[in-house]
Amino acid sequence: MTSDRRRVLPTREQLRVWRNYIETAEVLRTRLGSRLQADTSLSSGDYQVLLALSESEPKSVRPSELATQIGWERSRLSHHLGRMAKRGLIERNSCANDVHGVEVSITETGEKAFRSASVPHLRAVRELFLDALSPEQLAHVDDLTVTLRRHLGLTP
């Protein structure tokens, strides 16, 4: 092990890289969220939930599973689902195999909103992220992401 790895605290240079990474990622997330909201009236949270529901098989998911899939705390998800249900994007139904359980599913309105939002959102991803990177840089970002996800115990 090198002496750099034995240091307890990050070096000034390591902290500079860390801050640049975190601050840039936050600006990117904020700008993507603002564009999504302006173009589609969906929040980034709405889009995350609708994406997870649209990809799930079967189309109904228990809230605890959905929270795990999108990386949210259950209480945050519960409040957000309530707002989405009021707008007709999702519905909550009794769980077929658990009398006390609830499942969440995307409605026809939610599917339509998700489909309508996907093209503008993906266009913004291209403009704000992909267009800034060469193919080699994108491959490096992928390598870094895979390494970090593995280190954090997340699926690649």
Protein backbone atom coordinates (compact mmCIF):
# COMPACT_ATOMS: atom_id res chain seq x y z
CA MET A 1 0.00 0.00 0.00
CA THR A 2 1.36 3.42 -0.92
CA SER A 3 1.83 6.18 1.61
CA ASP A 4 -0.95 8.17 -0.17
CA ARG A 5 -3.45 5.41 0.58
CA ARG A 6 -2.47 5.38 4.28
CA ARG A 7 -3.41 9.01 4.78
CA VAL A 8 -6.54 9.35 6.87
CA LEU A 9 -7.71 12.57 5.27
CA PRO A 10 -7.84 13.41 1.57
CA THR A 11 -5.16 15.66 0.14
CA ARG A 12 -5.96 19.16 -1.04
CA GLU A 13 -5.81 17.95 -4.66
CA GLN A 14 -8.10 15.00 -3.93
CA LEU A 15 -10.59 17.35 -2.30
CA ARG A 16 -10.45 19.66 -5.32
CA VAL A 17 -11.30 16.75 -7.63
CA TRP A 18 -14.07 15.59 -5.28
CA ARG A 19 -15.68 19.04 -5.04
CA ASN A 20 -15.49 19.60 -8.78
CA TYR A 21 -17.15 16.24 -9.37
CA ILE A 22 -19.94 16.76 -6.81
CA GLU A 23 -20.64 20.37 -7.78
CA THR A 24 -20.71 19.55 -11.50
CA ALA A 25 -22.98 16.55 -10.98
CA GLU A 26 -25.36 18.70 -8.91
CA VAL A 27 -25.49 21.45 -11.55
CA LEU A 28 -26.12 18.82 -14.23
CA ARG A 29 -28.93 17.24 -12.18
CA THR A 30 -30.49 20.65 -11.47
CA ARG A 31 -30.38 21.74 -15.11
CA LEU A 32 -31.82 18.44 -16.33
CA GLY A 33 -34.60 18.70 -13.74
CA SER A 34 -35.38 22.30 -14.70
CA ARG A 35 -35.53 21.42 -18.38
CA LEU A 36 -37.75 18.42 -17.70
CA GLN A 37 -40.15 20.52 -15.60
CA ALA A 38 -40.25 23.33 -18.16
CA ASP A 39 -40.69 21.03 -21.17
CA THR A 40 -43.11 18.47 -19.71
CA SER A 41 -44.56 19.58 -16.35
CA LEU A 42 -43.05 16.45 -14.78
CA SER A 43 -40.52 16.78 -12.00
CA SER A 44 -37.37 14.68 -12.07
CA GLY A 45 -38.91 12.68 -9.21
CA ASP A 46 -42.06 12.04 -11.25
CA TYR A 47 -39.90 10.89 -14.16
CA GLN A 48 -37.85 8.56 -11.94
CA VAL A 49 -40.98 6.93 -10.54
CA LEU A 50 -42.66 6.63 -13.94
CA LEU A 51 -39.49 5.20 -15.49
CA ALA A 52 -39.20 2.54 -12.78
CA LEU A 53 -42.89 1.62 -13.09
CA SER A 54 -42.78 1.50 -16.88
CA GLU A 55 -39.79 -0.87 -16.78
CA SER A 56 -41.14 -3.18 -14.08
CA GLU A 57 -42.76 -6.51 -14.81
CA PRO A 58 -45.44 -6.96 -13.67
CA LYS A 59 -46.58 -3.35 -13.94
CA SER A 60 -47.51 -3.18 -10.23
CA VAL A 61 -44.79 -2.75 -7.60
CA ARG A 62 -44.90 -2.55 -3.82
CA PRO A 63 -43.80 0.87 -2.56
CA SER A 64 -40.91 -0.61 -0.58
CA GLU A 65 -39.54 -2.27 -3.73
CA LEU A 66 -40.00 0.93 -5.71
CA ALA A 67 -38.17 2.94 -3.04
CA THR A 68 -35.24 0.52 -3.24
CA GLN A 69 -35.21 0.64 -7.05
CA ILE A 70 -34.96 4.42 -7.23
CA GLY A 71 -32.88 4.89 -4.08
CA TRP A 72 -35.39 6.93 -2.06
CA GLU A 73 -36.46 6.70 1.56
CA ARG A 74 -39.90 5.15 1.92
CA SER A 75 -41.41 8.24 3.58
CA ARG A 76 -40.22 10.51 0.75
CA LEU A 77 -41.65 8.10 -1.81
CA SER A 78 -44.96 7.82 0.04
CA HIS A 79 -45.49 11.59 -0.02
CA HIS A 80 -44.45 11.82 -3.65
CA LEU A 81 -46.77 8.97 -4.67
CA GLY A 82 -49.65 10.78 -2.98
CA ARG A 83 -49.02 13.86 -5.12
CA MET A 84 -48.69 11.75 -8.26
CA ALA A 85 -51.92 9.88 -7.49
CA LYS A 86 -53.79 13.19 -7.14
CA ARG A 87 -52.56 14.10 -10.63
CA GLY A 88 -53.67 10.71 -12.01
CA LEU A 89 -50.16 9.54 -12.94
CA ILE A 90 -50.16 6.47 -10.70
CA GLU A 91 -52.65 4.52 -8.66
CA ARG A 92 -52.41 2.56 -5.47
CA ASN A 93 -54.26 -0.74 -5.28
CA SER A 94 -54.63 -3.44 -2.67
CA CYS A 95 -52.06 -6.16 -3.01
CA ALA A 96 -53.58 -9.39 -4.32
CA ASN A 97 -51.53 -11.68 -2.06
CA ASP A 98 -51.36 -9.48 1.07
CA VAL A 99 -54.52 -8.08 2.66
CA HIS A 100 -52.59 -5.20 4.28
CA GLY A 101 -50.27 -4.53 1.34
CA VAL A 102 -50.45 -1.94 -1.40
CA GLU A 103 -49.09 -1.97 -4.92
CA VAL A 104 -48.36 1.02 -7.12
CA SER A 105 -48.99 1.04 -10.85
CA ILE A 106 -48.70 3.55 -13.64
CA THR A 107 -52.00 4.79 -15.11
CA GLU A 108 -52.77 5.43 -18.75
CA THR A 109 -52.32 9.14 -17.99
CA GLY A 110 -48.96 8.38 -16.39
CA GLU A 111 -47.84 6.28 -19.37
CA LYS A 112 -48.82 9.07 -21.76
CA ALA A 113 -47.01 11.70 -19.67
CA PHE A 114 -43.91 9.51 -19.46
CA ARG A 115 -43.84 8.84 -23.21
CA SER A 116 -44.33 12.56 -23.94
CA ALA A 117 -41.53 13.51 -21.54
CA SER A 118 -38.99 10.98 -22.77
CA VAL A 119 -37.98 12.67 -26.03
CA PRO A 120 -37.43 16.16 -24.53
CA HIS A 121 -35.63 14.63 -21.54
CA LEU A 122 -33.34 12.49 -23.69
CA ARG A 123 -32.65 15.52 -25.90
CA ALA A 124 -31.58 17.46 -22.78
CA VAL A 125 -29.35 14.54 -21.69
CA ARG A 126 -27.67 14.67 -25.08
CA GLU A 127 -27.25 18.47 -25.07
CA LEU A 128 -26.09 18.87 -21.46
CA PHE A 129 -24.01 15.72 -21.00
CA LEU A 130 -23.29 13.58 -24.05
CA ASP A 131 -22.41 16.40 -26.46
CA ALA A 132 -19.76 17.67 -24.02
CA LEU A 133 -17.82 14.39 -24.10
CA SER A 134 -15.78 12.59 -26.73
CA PRO A 135 -16.39 8.84 -27.13
CA GLU A 136 -13.16 8.22 -25.20
CA GLN A 137 -14.24 10.49 -22.35
CA LEU A 138 -17.64 8.81 -22.23
CA ALA A 139 -15.88 5.43 -21.95
CA HIS A 140 -13.84 6.83 -19.03
CA VAL A 141 -17.01 8.08 -17.33
CA ASP A 142 -18.46 4.60 -17.75
CA ASP A 143 -15.34 3.00 -16.24
CA LEU A 144 -15.43 5.38 -13.29
CA THR A 145 -19.13 4.81 -12.72
CA VAL A 146 -18.80 1.03 -12.82
CA THR A 147 -15.88 1.19 -10.37
CA LEU A 148 -17.75 3.48 -7.96
CA ARG A 149 -20.94 1.41 -8.14
CA ARG A 150 -18.97 -1.76 -7.41
CA HIS A 151 -17.19 -0.06 -4.50
CA LEU A 152 -20.54 1.11 -3.08
CA GLY A 153 -22.17 -2.31 -3.46
CA LEU A 154 -24.56 -1.18 -6.21
CA THR A 155 -25.43 -3.12 -9.31
CA PRO A 156 -23.26 -2.12 -12.29
